[in-house]
Amino acid sequence: MYICPNCKSKNIGKIGTHQFYCWECFIEFGVKKKQMELYQVEEDGSLSSLDDIFTPEELARDQYVYGDV
């Protein structure tokens, strides 16, 4: 399972293959290899990347994993 990279919540839902949604801060994130990709869901349903506000170290997957993935 994953912890939200934005708010650190464990209230995460799986919405696709390697794609997750945080029910606390409404951020969608994907996991590719060892990196997270974060998106804000806009009112029209489109996604805006949030990767530019996080450093590569903050987006490292391993720090947001707990239990079995």
N, C-alpha and C. Protein backbone atom coordinates (compact mmCIF):
# COMPACT_ATOMS: atom_id res chain seq x y z
N MET A 1 0.84 -1.19 0.00
CA MET A 1 0.00 0.00 0.00
C MET A 1 0.88 1.24 0.00
N TYR A 2 0.27 2.34 -0.38
CA TYR A 2 1.00 3.59 -0.46
C TYR A 2 0.46 4.63 0.52
N ILE A 3 1.32 5.56 0.87
CA ILE A 3 0.97 6.74 1.64
C ILE A 3 0.97 7.90 0.66
N CYS A 4 0.03 8.81 0.77
CA CYS A 4 -0.04 9.95 -0.14
C CYS A 4 1.23 10.80 -0.02
N PRO A 5 1.89 11.08 -1.14
CA PRO A 5 3.09 11.91 -1.10
C PRO A 5 2.79 13.37 -0.72
N ASN A 6 1.55 13.78 -0.87
CA ASN A 6 1.18 15.17 -0.58
C ASN A 6 0.79 15.36 0.89
N CYS A 7 -0.19 14.61 1.38
CA CYS A 7 -0.71 14.82 2.74
C CYS A 7 -0.33 13.72 3.72
N LYS A 8 0.31 12.66 3.23
CA LYS A 8 0.78 11.52 4.05
C LYS A 8 -0.36 10.64 4.58
N SER A 9 -1.53 10.74 3.99
CA SER A 9 -2.67 9.92 4.39
C SER A 9 -2.52 8.49 3.86
N LYS A 10 -3.13 7.54 4.57
CA LYS A 10 -3.19 6.15 4.11
C LYS A 10 -4.54 5.85 3.45
N ASN A 11 -5.39 6.85 3.33
CA ASN A 11 -6.72 6.69 2.74
C ASN A 11 -6.60 6.78 1.22
N ILE A 12 -6.02 5.73 0.63
CA ILE A 12 -5.69 5.70 -0.78
C ILE A 12 -6.54 4.65 -1.49
N GLY A 13 -7.06 5.01 -2.65
CA GLY A 13 -7.80 4.06 -3.47
C GLY A 13 -7.06 3.78 -4.76
N LYS A 14 -7.22 2.58 -5.28
CA LYS A 14 -6.59 2.21 -6.54
C LYS A 14 -7.58 2.47 -7.66
N ILE A 15 -7.17 3.24 -8.67
CA ILE A 15 -8.08 3.59 -9.77
C ILE A 15 -7.64 3.00 -11.10
N GLY A 16 -6.50 2.37 -11.13
CA GLY A 16 -6.01 1.75 -12.35
C GLY A 16 -4.70 1.03 -12.07
N THR A 17 -4.12 0.48 -13.12
CA THR A 17 -2.84 -0.18 -12.98
C THR A 17 -1.78 0.85 -12.61
N HIS A 18 -1.22 0.73 -11.45
CA HIS A 18 -0.20 1.65 -10.95
C HIS A 18 -0.71 3.08 -10.82
N GLN A 19 -2.02 3.27 -10.64
CA GLN A 19 -2.61 4.60 -10.46
C GLN A 19 -3.47 4.60 -9.21
N PHE A 20 -3.32 5.66 -8.40
CA PHE A 20 -3.97 5.73 -7.11
C PHE A 20 -4.58 7.11 -6.89
N TYR A 21 -5.49 7.19 -5.92
CA TYR A 21 -6.18 8.44 -5.61
C TYR A 21 -6.23 8.61 -4.10
N CYS A 22 -5.89 9.81 -3.64
CA CYS A 22 -5.97 10.12 -2.21
C CYS A 22 -7.32 10.74 -1.91
N TRP A 23 -8.06 10.12 -1.00
CA TRP A 23 -9.39 10.61 -0.64
C TRP A 23 -9.33 11.77 0.36
N GLU A 24 -8.15 12.08 0.86
CA GLU A 24 -8.01 13.19 1.81
C GLU A 24 -7.69 14.51 1.11
N CYS A 25 -6.77 14.49 0.17
CA CYS A 25 -6.38 15.75 -0.51
C CYS A 25 -6.73 15.74 -2.00
N PHE A 26 -7.37 14.65 -2.47
CA PHE A 26 -7.90 14.57 -3.84
C PHE A 26 -6.81 14.67 -4.91
N ILE A 27 -5.66 14.08 -4.63
CA ILE A 27 -4.55 14.04 -5.56
C ILE A 27 -4.51 12.65 -6.19
N GLU A 28 -4.29 12.60 -7.50
CA GLU A 28 -4.09 11.33 -8.18
C GLU A 28 -2.59 11.16 -8.36
N PHE A 29 -2.11 9.94 -8.15
CA PHE A 29 -0.70 9.71 -8.39
C PHE A 29 -0.46 8.36 -9.03
N GLY A 30 0.58 8.32 -9.82
CA GLY A 30 0.97 7.10 -10.51
C GLY A 30 2.37 6.71 -10.08
N VAL A 31 2.68 5.43 -10.26
CA VAL A 31 3.99 4.93 -9.89
C VAL A 31 4.62 4.32 -11.13
N LYS A 32 5.77 4.85 -11.51
CA LYS A 32 6.53 4.31 -12.63
C LYS A 32 7.94 4.02 -12.14
N LYS A 33 8.30 2.75 -12.19
CA LYS A 33 9.59 2.30 -11.67
C LYS A 33 9.74 2.74 -10.23
N LYS A 34 10.66 3.60 -9.92
CA LYS A 34 10.91 4.03 -8.54
C LYS A 34 10.46 5.46 -8.28
N GLN A 35 9.68 6.06 -9.19
CA GLN A 35 9.26 7.46 -9.05
C GLN A 35 7.74 7.57 -9.03
N MET A 36 7.25 8.55 -8.29
CA MET A 36 5.84 8.90 -8.27
C MET A 36 5.59 10.04 -9.25
N GLU A 37 4.41 10.07 -9.82
CA GLU A 37 3.96 11.18 -10.64
C GLU A 37 2.65 11.67 -10.02
N LEU A 38 2.60 12.94 -9.65
CA LEU A 38 1.43 13.49 -8.95
C LEU A 38 0.63 14.40 -9.86
N TYR A 39 -0.70 14.34 -9.71
CA TYR A 39 -1.61 15.14 -10.52
C TYR A 39 -2.73 15.70 -9.66
N GLN A 40 -3.12 16.91 -9.98
CA GLN A 40 -4.32 17.50 -9.38
C GLN A 40 -5.45 17.28 -10.36
N VAL A 41 -6.59 16.82 -9.86
CA VAL A 41 -7.76 16.61 -10.71
C VAL A 41 -8.52 17.94 -10.79
N GLU A 42 -8.64 18.46 -11.99
CA GLU A 42 -9.32 19.75 -12.21
C GLU A 42 -10.84 19.55 -12.25
N GLU A 43 -11.59 20.64 -12.18
CA GLU A 43 -13.06 20.57 -12.18
C GLU A 43 -13.62 19.87 -13.41
N ASP A 44 -12.94 20.03 -14.57
CA ASP A 44 -13.42 19.41 -15.79
C ASP A 44 -12.96 17.96 -15.95
N GLY A 45 -12.25 17.45 -14.93
CA GLY A 45 -11.78 16.07 -14.96
C GLY A 45 -10.39 15.89 -15.53
N SER A 46 -9.81 16.94 -16.07
CA SER A 46 -8.46 16.84 -16.61
C SER A 46 -7.45 16.81 -15.46
N LEU A 47 -6.24 16.40 -15.78
CA LEU A 47 -5.19 16.29 -14.77
C LEU A 47 -4.11 17.33 -15.03
N SER A 48 -3.64 17.97 -13.97
CA SER A 48 -2.53 18.91 -14.04
C SER A 48 -1.38 18.34 -13.22
N SER A 49 -0.21 18.26 -13.82
CA SER A 49 0.94 17.69 -13.15
C SER A 49 1.37 18.55 -11.97
N LEU A 50 1.72 17.88 -10.88
CA LEU A 50 2.26 18.56 -9.69
C LEU A 50 3.73 18.20 -9.48
N ASP A 51 4.33 17.51 -10.44
CA ASP A 51 5.71 17.06 -10.30
C ASP A 51 6.69 18.22 -10.15
N ASP A 52 6.34 19.39 -10.69
CA ASP A 52 7.26 20.52 -10.63
C ASP A 52 7.35 21.16 -9.24
N ILE A 53 6.46 20.80 -8.33
CA ILE A 53 6.54 21.39 -6.98
C ILE A 53 7.18 20.43 -5.97
N PHE A 54 7.58 19.25 -6.44
CA PHE A 54 8.26 18.28 -5.60
C PHE A 54 9.64 18.00 -6.18
N THR A 55 10.62 17.78 -5.32
CA THR A 55 11.96 17.42 -5.78
C THR A 55 11.97 15.94 -6.17
N PRO A 56 12.94 15.51 -6.98
CA PRO A 56 13.04 14.08 -7.31
C PRO A 56 13.16 13.20 -6.06
N GLU A 57 13.83 13.71 -5.03
CA GLU A 57 13.96 12.94 -3.79
C GLU A 57 12.60 12.78 -3.11
N GLU A 58 11.77 13.81 -3.17
CA GLU A 58 10.44 13.73 -2.56
C GLU A 58 9.51 12.79 -3.32
N LEU A 59 9.81 12.56 -4.60
CA LEU A 59 8.97 11.69 -5.42
C LEU A 59 9.48 10.26 -5.48
N ALA A 60 10.52 9.94 -4.72
CA ALA A 60 11.03 8.57 -4.69
C ALA A 60 9.97 7.65 -4.07
N ARG A 61 9.63 6.60 -4.77
CA ARG A 61 8.54 5.71 -4.40
C ARG A 61 8.72 5.07 -3.03
N ASP A 62 9.91 4.62 -2.71
CA ASP A 62 10.12 3.79 -1.53
C ASP A 62 9.72 4.47 -0.22
N GLN A 63 9.78 5.77 -0.13
CA GLN A 63 9.43 6.43 1.12
C GLN A 63 7.92 6.50 1.35
N TYR A 64 7.12 6.12 0.36
CA TYR A 64 5.66 6.18 0.49
C TYR A 64 5.01 4.80 0.50
N VAL A 65 5.80 3.76 0.71
CA VAL A 65 5.30 2.39 0.70
C VAL A 65 5.22 1.88 2.13
N TYR A 66 4.10 1.23 2.45
CA TYR A 66 4.00 0.50 3.71
C TYR A 66 3.28 -0.80 3.43
N GLY A 67 3.61 -1.82 4.14
CA GLY A 67 2.98 -3.13 3.91
C GLY A 67 3.39 -3.70 2.56
N ASP A 68 2.52 -4.51 2.00
CA ASP A 68 2.77 -5.14 0.70
C ASP A 68 2.29 -4.25 -0.43
N VAL A 69 3.09 -4.16 -1.48
CA VAL A 69 2.70 -3.37 -2.66
C VAL A 69 2.28 -4.30 -3.76
